[in-house]
N, C-alpha and C. Protein backbone atom coordinates (compact mmCIF):
# COMPACT_ATOMS: atom_id res chain seq x y z
N UNK A 1 -23.30 -4.45 5.05
CA UNK A 1 -22.95 -3.04 4.96
C UNK A 1 -24.22 -2.23 4.68
N UNK A 2 -24.34 -1.11 5.32
CA UNK A 2 -25.55 -0.33 5.22
C UNK A 2 -25.41 0.72 4.13
N UNK A 3 -26.05 0.45 2.98
CA UNK A 3 -25.98 1.41 1.88
C UNK A 3 -26.73 2.69 2.22
N UNK A 4 -27.82 2.57 3.03
CA UNK A 4 -28.61 3.75 3.34
C UNK A 4 -27.79 4.79 4.07
N UNK A 5 -26.85 4.36 4.89
CA UNK A 5 -25.98 5.31 5.59
C UNK A 5 -25.16 6.11 4.61
N UNK A 6 -24.51 5.39 3.65
CA UNK A 6 -23.68 6.08 2.68
C UNK A 6 -24.51 6.96 1.76
N UNK A 7 -25.76 6.53 1.45
CA UNK A 7 -26.60 7.35 0.60
C UNK A 7 -26.99 8.65 1.30
N UNK A 8 -27.13 8.59 2.64
CA UNK A 8 -27.46 9.81 3.37
C UNK A 8 -26.26 10.74 3.47
N UNK A 9 -25.05 10.16 3.51
CA UNK A 9 -23.85 10.98 3.62
C UNK A 9 -23.46 11.54 2.26
N UNK A 10 -23.44 10.67 1.25
CA UNK A 10 -23.04 11.08 -0.09
C UNK A 10 -24.29 11.29 -0.93
N UNK A 11 -24.97 12.40 -0.68
CA UNK A 11 -26.24 12.63 -1.33
C UNK A 11 -26.15 13.57 -2.53
N UNK A 12 -25.12 14.41 -2.58
CA UNK A 12 -25.08 15.35 -3.69
C UNK A 12 -24.45 14.71 -4.92
N UNK A 13 -24.62 15.38 -6.04
CA UNK A 13 -24.27 14.82 -7.34
C UNK A 13 -22.78 14.56 -7.48
N UNK A 14 -21.95 15.43 -6.92
CA UNK A 14 -20.51 15.31 -7.10
C UNK A 14 -19.94 14.09 -6.39
N UNK A 15 -20.64 13.60 -5.37
CA UNK A 15 -20.11 12.51 -4.56
C UNK A 15 -20.71 11.16 -4.93
N UNK A 16 -21.49 11.10 -5.99
CA UNK A 16 -22.11 9.84 -6.39
C UNK A 16 -21.08 8.80 -6.82
N UNK A 17 -19.94 9.27 -7.32
CA UNK A 17 -18.93 8.34 -7.80
C UNK A 17 -18.43 7.42 -6.71
N UNK A 18 -18.24 7.98 -5.51
CA UNK A 18 -17.76 7.13 -4.42
C UNK A 18 -18.81 6.10 -4.02
N UNK A 19 -20.07 6.52 -3.98
CA UNK A 19 -21.13 5.58 -3.61
C UNK A 19 -21.23 4.45 -4.62
N UNK A 20 -21.07 4.78 -5.90
CA UNK A 20 -21.09 3.74 -6.93
C UNK A 20 -19.95 2.76 -6.72
N UNK A 21 -18.76 3.28 -6.40
CA UNK A 21 -17.61 2.42 -6.14
C UNK A 21 -17.87 1.52 -4.94
N UNK A 22 -18.45 2.09 -3.89
CA UNK A 22 -18.72 1.31 -2.69
C UNK A 22 -19.68 0.17 -2.98
N UNK A 23 -20.73 0.45 -3.75
CA UNK A 23 -21.69 -0.60 -4.09
C UNK A 23 -21.06 -1.66 -4.98
N UNK A 24 -20.13 -1.25 -5.83
CA UNK A 24 -19.43 -2.20 -6.69
C UNK A 24 -18.62 -3.18 -5.85
N UNK A 25 -17.91 -2.64 -4.82
CA UNK A 25 -17.14 -3.51 -3.93
C UNK A 25 -18.06 -4.41 -3.14
N UNK A 26 -19.18 -3.84 -2.66
CA UNK A 26 -20.12 -4.63 -1.87
C UNK A 26 -20.73 -5.76 -2.69
N UNK A 27 -21.02 -5.46 -3.95
CA UNK A 27 -21.67 -6.45 -4.78
C UNK A 27 -20.76 -7.55 -5.24
N UNK A 28 -19.46 -7.34 -5.13
CA UNK A 28 -18.53 -8.34 -5.61
C UNK A 28 -18.64 -9.62 -4.79
N UNK A 29 -18.73 -9.53 -3.50
CA UNK A 29 -18.96 -10.67 -2.64
C UNK A 29 -19.21 -10.16 -1.23
N UNK A 30 -19.88 -10.97 -0.44
CA UNK A 30 -20.15 -10.58 0.93
C UNK A 30 -18.92 -10.85 1.78
N UNK A 31 -18.27 -9.79 2.23
CA UNK A 31 -17.06 -9.91 3.02
C UNK A 31 -17.42 -9.68 4.48
N UNK A 32 -17.34 -10.71 5.28
CA UNK A 32 -17.70 -10.57 6.69
C UNK A 32 -16.58 -9.86 7.44
N UNK A 33 -16.97 -9.21 8.51
CA UNK A 33 -15.99 -8.50 9.33
C UNK A 33 -15.02 -9.49 9.98
N UNK A 34 -15.51 -10.65 10.34
CA UNK A 34 -14.66 -11.68 10.94
C UNK A 34 -13.57 -12.13 9.96
N UNK A 35 -13.97 -12.32 8.71
CA UNK A 35 -13.00 -12.73 7.70
C UNK A 35 -11.95 -11.65 7.47
N UNK A 36 -12.41 -10.40 7.39
CA UNK A 36 -11.48 -9.29 7.20
C UNK A 36 -10.54 -9.14 8.39
N UNK A 37 -11.06 -9.35 9.59
CA UNK A 37 -10.24 -9.26 10.81
C UNK A 37 -9.10 -10.26 10.75
N UNK A 38 -9.41 -11.50 10.35
CA UNK A 38 -8.38 -12.53 10.25
C UNK A 38 -7.32 -12.18 9.21
N UNK A 39 -7.76 -11.58 8.10
CA UNK A 39 -6.81 -11.18 7.05
C UNK A 39 -5.89 -10.08 7.54
N UNK A 40 -6.42 -9.10 8.26
CA UNK A 40 -5.58 -8.01 8.76
C UNK A 40 -4.60 -8.50 9.81
N UNK A 41 -5.01 -9.48 10.62
CA UNK A 41 -4.07 -10.08 11.57
C UNK A 41 -2.93 -10.76 10.83
N UNK A 42 -3.29 -11.50 9.80
CA UNK A 42 -2.27 -12.19 8.99
C UNK A 42 -1.32 -11.20 8.33
N UNK A 43 -1.85 -10.14 7.76
CA UNK A 43 -1.00 -9.14 7.11
C UNK A 43 -0.09 -8.47 8.13
N UNK A 44 -0.63 -8.16 9.31
CA UNK A 44 0.18 -7.53 10.34
C UNK A 44 1.32 -8.42 10.81
N UNK A 45 1.08 -9.72 10.90
CA UNK A 45 2.11 -10.65 11.36
C UNK A 45 3.18 -10.91 10.30
N UNK A 46 2.82 -10.76 9.04
CA UNK A 46 3.76 -11.09 7.96
C UNK A 46 4.33 -9.86 7.25
N UNK A 47 4.07 -8.68 7.80
CA UNK A 47 4.50 -7.44 7.13
C UNK A 47 5.96 -7.13 7.42
N UNK A 48 6.84 -7.80 6.71
CA UNK A 48 8.27 -7.53 6.81
C UNK A 48 8.73 -6.82 5.54
N UNK A 49 9.86 -6.13 5.65
CA UNK A 49 10.46 -5.51 4.47
C UNK A 49 10.09 -4.07 4.25
N UNK A 50 9.49 -3.41 5.26
CA UNK A 50 9.17 -2.00 5.10
C UNK A 50 7.98 -1.79 4.18
N UNK A 51 7.73 -0.54 3.75
CA UNK A 51 6.56 -0.25 2.93
C UNK A 51 6.45 -1.08 1.66
N UNK A 52 7.56 -1.30 0.97
CA UNK A 52 7.50 -2.05 -0.28
C UNK A 52 7.01 -3.48 -0.04
N UNK A 53 7.57 -4.16 0.95
CA UNK A 53 7.14 -5.51 1.27
C UNK A 53 5.72 -5.56 1.79
N UNK A 54 5.33 -4.58 2.60
CA UNK A 54 3.99 -4.54 3.16
C UNK A 54 2.93 -4.32 2.08
N UNK A 55 3.22 -3.40 1.16
CA UNK A 55 2.27 -3.13 0.08
C UNK A 55 2.15 -4.33 -0.85
N UNK A 56 3.27 -4.98 -1.14
CA UNK A 56 3.23 -6.18 -1.98
C UNK A 56 2.42 -7.29 -1.31
N UNK A 57 2.56 -7.44 0.01
CA UNK A 57 1.80 -8.45 0.73
C UNK A 57 0.31 -8.14 0.68
N UNK A 58 -0.06 -6.88 0.87
CA UNK A 58 -1.47 -6.50 0.79
C UNK A 58 -2.01 -6.75 -0.61
N UNK A 59 -1.22 -6.45 -1.61
CA UNK A 59 -1.67 -6.66 -2.99
C UNK A 59 -1.90 -8.15 -3.25
N UNK A 60 -0.96 -8.97 -2.83
CA UNK A 60 -1.11 -10.41 -3.07
C UNK A 60 -2.32 -10.97 -2.33
N UNK A 61 -2.55 -10.49 -1.11
CA UNK A 61 -3.63 -11.02 -0.30
C UNK A 61 -4.99 -10.50 -0.74
N UNK A 62 -5.10 -9.19 -0.92
CA UNK A 62 -6.40 -8.56 -1.15
C UNK A 62 -6.82 -8.61 -2.61
N UNK A 63 -5.86 -8.46 -3.52
CA UNK A 63 -6.20 -8.44 -4.95
C UNK A 63 -6.12 -9.84 -5.57
N UNK A 64 -4.98 -10.53 -5.36
CA UNK A 64 -4.77 -11.82 -6.03
C UNK A 64 -5.53 -12.96 -5.36
N UNK A 65 -5.44 -13.04 -4.02
CA UNK A 65 -6.04 -14.17 -3.32
C UNK A 65 -7.52 -13.95 -3.01
N UNK A 66 -7.84 -12.88 -2.32
CA UNK A 66 -9.22 -12.64 -1.89
C UNK A 66 -10.08 -11.99 -2.96
N UNK A 67 -9.44 -11.24 -3.86
CA UNK A 67 -10.15 -10.54 -4.93
C UNK A 67 -11.20 -9.58 -4.37
N UNK A 68 -10.88 -8.93 -3.27
CA UNK A 68 -11.77 -7.94 -2.69
C UNK A 68 -11.73 -6.63 -3.47
N UNK A 69 -10.56 -6.31 -4.06
CA UNK A 69 -10.41 -5.13 -4.91
C UNK A 69 -9.76 -5.57 -6.21
N UNK A 70 -10.04 -4.83 -7.28
CA UNK A 70 -9.37 -5.15 -8.53
C UNK A 70 -8.05 -4.36 -8.60
N UNK A 71 -7.30 -4.64 -9.65
CA UNK A 71 -5.97 -4.06 -9.80
C UNK A 71 -6.02 -2.53 -9.87
N UNK A 72 -6.92 -2.00 -10.67
CA UNK A 72 -6.96 -0.55 -10.86
C UNK A 72 -7.36 0.17 -9.58
N UNK A 73 -8.30 -0.37 -8.82
CA UNK A 73 -8.72 0.27 -7.58
C UNK A 73 -7.60 0.25 -6.54
N UNK A 74 -6.89 -0.86 -6.46
CA UNK A 74 -5.78 -0.95 -5.51
C UNK A 74 -4.69 0.06 -5.85
N UNK A 75 -4.32 0.14 -7.13
CA UNK A 75 -3.27 1.07 -7.54
C UNK A 75 -3.72 2.51 -7.38
N UNK A 76 -5.00 2.78 -7.62
CA UNK A 76 -5.51 4.13 -7.39
C UNK A 76 -5.39 4.51 -5.93
N UNK A 77 -5.77 3.60 -5.04
CA UNK A 77 -5.65 3.87 -3.60
C UNK A 77 -4.18 4.04 -3.20
N UNK A 78 -3.31 3.23 -3.78
CA UNK A 78 -1.88 3.33 -3.46
C UNK A 78 -1.33 4.68 -3.90
N UNK A 79 -1.68 5.12 -5.10
CA UNK A 79 -1.21 6.42 -5.58
C UNK A 79 -1.68 7.55 -4.68
N UNK A 80 -2.91 7.47 -4.25
CA UNK A 80 -3.47 8.50 -3.38
C UNK A 80 -2.73 8.52 -2.04
N UNK A 81 -2.49 7.34 -1.46
CA UNK A 81 -1.81 7.27 -0.16
C UNK A 81 -0.36 7.71 -0.26
N UNK A 82 0.27 7.50 -1.41
CA UNK A 82 1.65 7.93 -1.58
C UNK A 82 1.79 9.44 -1.51
N UNK A 83 0.75 10.16 -1.87
CA UNK A 83 0.80 11.62 -1.84
C UNK A 83 0.55 12.19 -0.45
N UNK A 84 0.00 11.39 0.46
CA UNK A 84 -0.31 11.87 1.79
C UNK A 84 0.93 11.79 2.68
N UNK A 85 1.07 12.71 3.62
CA UNK A 85 2.18 12.60 4.59
C UNK A 85 1.96 11.43 5.53
N UNK A 86 3.05 10.80 5.94
CA UNK A 86 2.93 9.66 6.84
C UNK A 86 3.21 8.34 6.15
N UNK A 87 3.10 7.24 6.89
CA UNK A 87 3.41 5.91 6.34
C UNK A 87 2.35 5.45 5.35
N UNK A 88 2.73 5.36 4.08
CA UNK A 88 1.74 5.04 3.05
C UNK A 88 1.17 3.64 3.17
N UNK A 89 1.97 2.69 3.65
CA UNK A 89 1.47 1.31 3.76
C UNK A 89 0.34 1.23 4.79
N UNK A 90 0.52 1.87 5.93
CA UNK A 90 -0.54 1.86 6.94
C UNK A 90 -1.76 2.64 6.46
N UNK A 91 -1.54 3.74 5.77
CA UNK A 91 -2.66 4.50 5.23
C UNK A 91 -3.45 3.67 4.22
N UNK A 92 -2.74 2.89 3.42
CA UNK A 92 -3.41 2.04 2.44
C UNK A 92 -4.24 0.97 3.13
N UNK A 93 -3.69 0.35 4.17
CA UNK A 93 -4.44 -0.65 4.93
C UNK A 93 -5.68 -0.04 5.57
N UNK A 94 -5.52 1.14 6.16
CA UNK A 94 -6.65 1.81 6.80
C UNK A 94 -7.73 2.16 5.78
N UNK A 95 -7.31 2.64 4.63
CA UNK A 95 -8.28 3.01 3.59
C UNK A 95 -9.06 1.79 3.11
N UNK A 96 -8.35 0.69 2.86
CA UNK A 96 -9.03 -0.52 2.37
C UNK A 96 -9.96 -1.07 3.43
N UNK A 97 -9.51 -1.06 4.68
CA UNK A 97 -10.38 -1.51 5.77
C UNK A 97 -11.63 -0.67 5.89
N UNK A 98 -11.47 0.65 5.73
CA UNK A 98 -12.63 1.55 5.78
C UNK A 98 -13.54 1.33 4.59
N UNK A 99 -12.97 1.08 3.43
CA UNK A 99 -13.78 0.85 2.24
C UNK A 99 -14.63 -0.40 2.38
N UNK A 100 -14.10 -1.41 3.06
CA UNK A 100 -14.80 -2.67 3.19
C UNK A 100 -15.83 -2.66 4.31
N UNK A 101 -15.50 -2.03 5.46
CA UNK A 101 -16.38 -2.10 6.63
C UNK A 101 -16.51 -0.78 7.37
N UNK A 102 -16.33 0.32 6.68
CA UNK A 102 -16.57 1.60 7.32
C UNK A 102 -15.51 1.97 8.35
N UNK A 103 -15.92 2.77 9.33
CA UNK A 103 -14.98 3.29 10.32
C UNK A 103 -14.34 2.17 11.14
N UNK A 104 -15.14 1.22 11.61
CA UNK A 104 -14.56 0.15 12.42
C UNK A 104 -13.58 -0.69 11.60
N UNK A 105 -13.86 -0.87 10.31
CA UNK A 105 -12.92 -1.60 9.46
C UNK A 105 -11.61 -0.86 9.31
N UNK A 106 -11.67 0.47 9.14
CA UNK A 106 -10.44 1.26 9.03
C UNK A 106 -9.63 1.25 10.31
N UNK A 107 -10.30 1.36 11.46
CA UNK A 107 -9.59 1.34 12.74
C UNK A 107 -8.92 -0.01 12.98
N UNK A 108 -9.64 -1.09 12.72
CA UNK A 108 -9.08 -2.42 12.94
C UNK A 108 -7.91 -2.68 12.00
N UNK A 109 -8.07 -2.34 10.73
CA UNK A 109 -7.00 -2.56 9.77
C UNK A 109 -5.76 -1.74 10.13
N UNK A 110 -5.96 -0.47 10.49
CA UNK A 110 -4.82 0.38 10.84
C UNK A 110 -4.10 -0.09 12.08
N UNK A 111 -4.86 -0.48 13.12
CA UNK A 111 -4.23 -0.92 14.37
C UNK A 111 -3.54 -2.28 14.21
N UNK A 112 -4.22 -3.22 13.57
CA UNK A 112 -3.62 -4.54 13.39
C UNK A 112 -2.43 -4.50 12.45
N UNK A 113 -2.35 -3.46 11.65
CA UNK A 113 -1.21 -3.32 10.75
C UNK A 113 0.07 -2.99 11.51
N UNK A 114 -0.04 -2.27 12.63
CA UNK A 114 1.16 -1.83 13.35
C UNK A 114 1.43 -2.60 14.63
N UNK A 115 0.39 -3.15 15.29
CA UNK A 115 0.59 -3.78 16.60
C UNK A 115 1.51 -5.00 16.55
N UNK A 116 1.31 -5.95 15.62
CA UNK A 116 2.24 -7.10 15.58
C UNK A 116 3.67 -6.68 15.30
N UNK A 117 3.86 -5.70 14.41
CA UNK A 117 5.21 -5.23 14.13
C UNK A 117 5.85 -4.55 15.32
N UNK A 118 5.06 -3.75 16.04
CA UNK A 118 5.58 -3.09 17.23
C UNK A 118 6.00 -4.12 18.28
N UNK A 119 5.20 -5.16 18.45
CA UNK A 119 5.55 -6.22 19.40
C UNK A 119 6.80 -6.95 18.97
N UNK A 120 6.93 -7.23 17.67
CA UNK A 120 8.12 -7.92 17.16
C UNK A 120 9.38 -7.07 17.37
N UNK A 121 9.27 -5.76 17.13
CA UNK A 121 10.41 -4.87 17.34
C UNK A 121 10.81 -4.85 18.81
N UNK A 122 9.82 -4.84 19.70
CA UNK A 122 10.11 -4.86 21.13
C UNK A 122 10.87 -6.13 21.53
N UNK A 123 10.39 -7.27 21.03
CA UNK A 123 11.04 -8.55 21.37
C UNK A 123 12.46 -8.61 20.80
N UNK A 124 12.62 -8.21 19.54
CA UNK A 124 13.95 -8.24 18.92
C UNK A 124 14.90 -7.27 19.60
N UNK A 125 14.40 -6.11 20.01
CA UNK A 125 15.24 -5.15 20.72
C UNK A 125 15.69 -5.70 22.06
N UNK A 126 14.78 -6.36 22.75
CA UNK A 126 15.13 -6.95 24.04
C UNK A 126 16.19 -8.05 23.87
N UNK A 127 16.01 -8.88 22.84
CA UNK A 127 16.98 -9.95 22.58
C UNK A 127 18.35 -9.35 22.24
N UNK A 128 18.34 -8.29 21.45
CA UNK A 128 19.61 -7.68 21.06
C UNK A 128 20.32 -7.05 22.25
N UNK A 129 19.55 -6.39 23.13
CA UNK A 129 20.15 -5.76 24.31
C UNK A 129 20.73 -6.79 25.26
N UNK A 130 19.99 -7.88 25.45
CA UNK A 130 20.42 -8.90 26.43
C UNK A 130 21.49 -9.81 25.86
N UNK A 131 21.34 -10.21 24.59
CA UNK A 131 22.24 -11.19 24.02
C UNK A 131 22.98 -10.66 22.79
N UNK A 132 23.03 -9.37 22.63
CA UNK A 132 23.61 -8.79 21.43
C UNK A 132 25.09 -9.05 21.25
N UNK A 133 25.80 -9.34 22.34
CA UNK A 133 27.23 -9.55 22.23
C UNK A 133 27.60 -10.98 21.86
N UNK A 134 26.60 -11.84 21.72
CA UNK A 134 26.87 -13.23 21.37
C UNK A 134 26.96 -13.38 19.85
N UNK A 135 27.87 -14.25 19.42
CA UNK A 135 28.08 -14.44 17.99
C UNK A 135 26.83 -14.98 17.31
N UNK A 136 26.10 -15.87 17.98
CA UNK A 136 24.91 -16.46 17.36
C UNK A 136 23.83 -15.40 17.14
N UNK A 137 23.72 -14.43 18.07
CA UNK A 137 22.74 -13.36 17.91
C UNK A 137 23.09 -12.47 16.73
N UNK A 138 24.38 -12.15 16.61
CA UNK A 138 24.81 -11.34 15.48
C UNK A 138 24.55 -12.06 14.15
N UNK A 139 24.75 -13.38 14.14
CA UNK A 139 24.48 -14.15 12.93
C UNK A 139 23.01 -14.15 12.57
N UNK A 140 22.13 -14.26 13.58
CA UNK A 140 20.69 -14.25 13.33
C UNK A 140 20.26 -12.92 12.74
N UNK A 141 20.75 -11.81 13.32
CA UNK A 141 20.37 -10.50 12.82
C UNK A 141 20.93 -10.25 11.43
N UNK A 142 22.10 -10.78 11.13
CA UNK A 142 22.66 -10.66 9.80
C UNK A 142 21.79 -11.40 8.78
N UNK A 143 21.32 -12.58 9.18
CA UNK A 143 20.43 -13.35 8.31
C UNK A 143 19.10 -12.64 8.09
N UNK A 144 18.58 -11.99 9.15
CA UNK A 144 17.33 -11.24 9.01
C UNK A 144 17.48 -10.08 8.04
N UNK A 145 18.62 -9.40 8.09
CA UNK A 145 18.86 -8.30 7.16
C UNK A 145 18.84 -8.79 5.72
N UNK A 146 19.48 -9.92 5.48
CA UNK A 146 19.50 -10.47 4.13
C UNK A 146 18.10 -10.88 3.67
N UNK A 147 17.33 -11.48 4.57
CA UNK A 147 15.97 -11.90 4.21
C UNK A 147 15.08 -10.71 3.90
N UNK A 148 15.19 -9.65 4.71
CA UNK A 148 14.39 -8.45 4.49
C UNK A 148 14.77 -7.80 3.16
N UNK A 149 16.06 -7.78 2.83
CA UNK A 149 16.49 -7.22 1.55
C UNK A 149 15.89 -8.00 0.39
N UNK A 150 15.86 -9.31 0.51
CA UNK A 150 15.26 -10.14 -0.55
C UNK A 150 13.77 -9.86 -0.68
N UNK A 151 13.07 -9.66 0.45
CA UNK A 151 11.64 -9.36 0.42
C UNK A 151 11.38 -8.03 -0.29
N UNK A 152 12.21 -7.04 0.03
CA UNK A 152 12.05 -5.72 -0.58
C UNK A 152 12.27 -5.78 -2.09
N UNK A 153 13.32 -6.47 -2.52
CA UNK A 153 13.61 -6.59 -3.95
C UNK A 153 12.48 -7.32 -4.68
N UNK A 154 11.99 -8.40 -4.08
CA UNK A 154 10.90 -9.15 -4.69
C UNK A 154 9.64 -8.28 -4.80
N UNK A 155 9.38 -7.48 -3.76
CA UNK A 155 8.21 -6.61 -3.77
C UNK A 155 8.33 -5.53 -4.85
N UNK A 156 9.52 -4.95 -4.98
CA UNK A 156 9.73 -3.92 -5.99
C UNK A 156 9.53 -4.48 -7.40
N UNK A 157 10.05 -5.68 -7.64
CA UNK A 157 9.89 -6.30 -8.96
C UNK A 157 8.42 -6.61 -9.22
N UNK A 158 7.73 -7.11 -8.21
CA UNK A 158 6.32 -7.49 -8.37
C UNK A 158 5.45 -6.28 -8.68
N UNK A 159 5.61 -5.22 -7.89
CA UNK A 159 4.79 -4.03 -8.10
C UNK A 159 5.20 -3.33 -9.39
N UNK A 160 6.51 -3.30 -9.67
CA UNK A 160 6.98 -2.63 -10.88
C UNK A 160 6.42 -3.26 -12.14
N UNK A 161 6.33 -4.58 -12.18
CA UNK A 161 5.79 -5.26 -13.35
C UNK A 161 4.33 -4.92 -13.57
N UNK A 162 3.62 -4.67 -12.47
CA UNK A 162 2.19 -4.38 -12.59
C UNK A 162 1.93 -2.93 -13.00
N UNK A 163 2.78 -2.03 -12.59
CA UNK A 163 2.49 -0.61 -12.75
C UNK A 163 3.29 0.06 -13.85
N UNK A 164 4.56 -0.32 -14.03
CA UNK A 164 5.42 0.38 -14.98
C UNK A 164 5.29 -0.22 -16.37
N UNK A 165 4.18 0.11 -17.02
CA UNK A 165 3.90 -0.39 -18.36
C UNK A 165 3.96 0.76 -19.36
N UNK A 166 4.18 0.41 -20.62
CA UNK A 166 4.29 1.44 -21.64
C UNK A 166 5.68 2.07 -21.64
N UNK A 167 5.75 3.32 -22.07
CA UNK A 167 7.02 4.05 -22.14
C UNK A 167 7.08 5.17 -21.11
N UNK A 168 5.97 5.88 -20.94
CA UNK A 168 5.97 7.05 -20.06
C UNK A 168 6.24 6.68 -18.62
N UNK A 169 5.56 5.66 -18.10
CA UNK A 169 5.68 5.33 -16.69
C UNK A 169 7.10 4.88 -16.30
N UNK A 170 7.73 3.96 -17.06
CA UNK A 170 9.12 3.63 -16.72
C UNK A 170 10.05 4.85 -16.82
N UNK A 171 9.81 5.72 -17.81
CA UNK A 171 10.65 6.91 -17.96
C UNK A 171 10.51 7.82 -16.75
N UNK A 172 9.28 8.01 -16.27
CA UNK A 172 9.07 8.83 -15.08
C UNK A 172 9.70 8.19 -13.85
N UNK A 173 9.63 6.87 -13.74
CA UNK A 173 10.22 6.18 -12.59
C UNK A 173 11.74 6.35 -12.58
N UNK A 174 12.37 6.17 -13.73
CA UNK A 174 13.83 6.35 -13.82
C UNK A 174 14.21 7.80 -13.56
N UNK A 175 13.45 8.72 -14.14
CA UNK A 175 13.72 10.13 -13.91
C UNK A 175 13.58 10.53 -12.46
N UNK A 176 12.55 10.00 -11.81
CA UNK A 176 12.37 10.28 -10.39
C UNK A 176 13.50 9.72 -9.54
N UNK A 177 13.95 8.51 -9.87
CA UNK A 177 15.06 7.91 -9.14
C UNK A 177 16.33 8.75 -9.28
N UNK A 178 16.63 9.16 -10.50
CA UNK A 178 17.82 9.98 -10.73
C UNK A 178 17.71 11.32 -10.01
N UNK A 179 16.53 11.93 -10.06
CA UNK A 179 16.34 13.23 -9.40
C UNK A 179 16.53 13.13 -7.89
N UNK A 180 16.06 12.04 -7.30
CA UNK A 180 16.13 11.89 -5.84
C UNK A 180 17.52 11.48 -5.37
N UNK A 181 18.12 10.48 -6.00
CA UNK A 181 19.34 9.89 -5.47
C UNK A 181 20.62 10.43 -6.10
N UNK A 182 20.52 11.02 -7.28
CA UNK A 182 21.71 11.60 -7.91
C UNK A 182 21.80 13.10 -7.66
N UNK A 183 20.67 13.78 -7.88
CA UNK A 183 20.67 15.23 -7.73
C UNK A 183 20.11 15.69 -6.39
N UNK A 184 19.59 14.74 -5.57
CA UNK A 184 19.08 15.05 -4.23
C UNK A 184 18.01 16.15 -4.25
N UNK A 185 17.12 16.09 -5.23
CA UNK A 185 16.03 17.05 -5.30
C UNK A 185 14.96 16.72 -4.25
N UNK A 186 14.23 17.72 -3.78
CA UNK A 186 13.18 17.46 -2.77
C UNK A 186 12.11 16.53 -3.30
N UNK A 187 11.63 15.64 -2.45
CA UNK A 187 10.61 14.68 -2.84
C UNK A 187 9.33 15.35 -3.34
N UNK A 188 8.80 16.37 -2.66
CA UNK A 188 7.57 17.02 -3.17
C UNK A 188 7.76 17.58 -4.58
N UNK A 189 8.94 18.13 -4.87
CA UNK A 189 9.19 18.67 -6.20
C UNK A 189 9.17 17.57 -7.26
N UNK A 190 9.75 16.42 -6.94
CA UNK A 190 9.77 15.30 -7.88
C UNK A 190 8.35 14.79 -8.14
N UNK A 191 7.56 14.64 -7.08
CA UNK A 191 6.18 14.16 -7.24
C UNK A 191 5.35 15.15 -8.03
N UNK A 192 5.49 16.43 -7.71
CA UNK A 192 4.73 17.46 -8.43
C UNK A 192 5.11 17.49 -9.91
N UNK A 193 6.39 17.38 -10.20
CA UNK A 193 6.85 17.40 -11.59
C UNK A 193 6.30 16.21 -12.36
N UNK A 194 6.33 15.02 -11.73
CA UNK A 194 5.80 13.83 -12.39
C UNK A 194 4.30 13.97 -12.66
N UNK A 195 3.58 14.54 -11.70
CA UNK A 195 2.15 14.76 -11.90
C UNK A 195 1.86 15.71 -13.04
N UNK A 196 2.64 16.79 -13.12
CA UNK A 196 2.43 17.77 -14.20
C UNK A 196 2.74 17.14 -15.56
N UNK A 197 3.82 16.37 -15.63
CA UNK A 197 4.18 15.72 -16.89
C UNK A 197 3.09 14.74 -17.32
N UNK A 198 2.61 13.94 -16.38
CA UNK A 198 1.54 13.00 -16.70
C UNK A 198 0.28 13.69 -17.17
N UNK A 199 -0.05 14.79 -16.53
CA UNK A 199 -1.24 15.55 -16.92
C UNK A 199 -1.09 16.11 -18.32
N UNK A 200 0.07 16.69 -18.60
CA UNK A 200 0.29 17.29 -19.92
C UNK A 200 0.28 16.23 -21.02
N UNK A 201 0.91 15.08 -20.75
CA UNK A 201 0.94 14.01 -21.75
C UNK A 201 -0.47 13.48 -22.00
N UNK A 202 -1.26 13.35 -20.92
CA UNK A 202 -2.63 12.87 -21.08
C UNK A 202 -3.46 13.86 -21.88
N UNK A 203 -3.25 15.13 -21.65
CA UNK A 203 -3.99 16.14 -22.39
C UNK A 203 -3.63 16.15 -23.88
N UNK A 204 -2.39 15.80 -24.16
CA UNK A 204 -1.95 15.76 -25.55
C UNK A 204 -2.35 14.45 -26.24
N UNK A 205 -3.03 13.56 -25.48
CA UNK A 205 -3.56 12.30 -26.03
C UNK A 205 -2.48 11.41 -26.62
N UNK A 206 -1.35 11.35 -25.92
CA UNK A 206 -0.32 10.39 -26.31
C UNK A 206 -0.79 9.02 -25.88
N UNK A 207 -0.77 7.99 -26.75
CA UNK A 207 -1.31 6.67 -26.40
C UNK A 207 -0.70 6.08 -25.15
N UNK A 208 0.62 6.27 -24.94
CA UNK A 208 1.25 5.64 -23.78
C UNK A 208 0.75 6.22 -22.47
N UNK A 209 0.24 7.42 -22.48
CA UNK A 209 -0.19 8.05 -21.24
C UNK A 209 -1.41 7.37 -20.65
N UNK A 210 -2.19 6.68 -21.46
CA UNK A 210 -3.40 6.04 -20.95
C UNK A 210 -3.18 4.59 -20.59
N UNK A 211 -1.99 4.09 -20.76
CA UNK A 211 -1.76 2.68 -20.46
C UNK A 211 -1.52 2.48 -19.00
């Protein structure tokens, strides 16, 4: 990775933080583009269960197995991508790919994240159209639904254990769930309210806010 390029781009004082982060990731270990390419292919092929399952798979692969990013950096990137419009799981993959290998890393990670899934959807759609009236096909799709549900639940439990610590974070998660599914409040309003509450609690130096 060419540090001189990033030093020329991020030259002013306010942007030094990103350059420091980039060098920290670079110094952790030499990650070849070939190795990263194989990992993104693997993630793309195994990304079942929607965003929750996909994010959990990326966390297990990139943080736990490869140790390319630490827990705090991964969660920081996830929080940032959750605020952006669009599919947060693909945005997270693109961001991590860009962080590791620049623009080409982001493009490869983003494309490989969706291409295997798109191909799988095409094949499954074709099978359903051609053989959808057969009992065995209906049984297979019923089994797939159950498997995907299990993946999603496992992913939610895994990520929840890592992030929902202390008192404030679980309270905000429960409050957000109630606001969205019971009172049907707009998603942007819920996110903005949670951000304001977190900011105010942090300013008041409540111990749980920093956990």
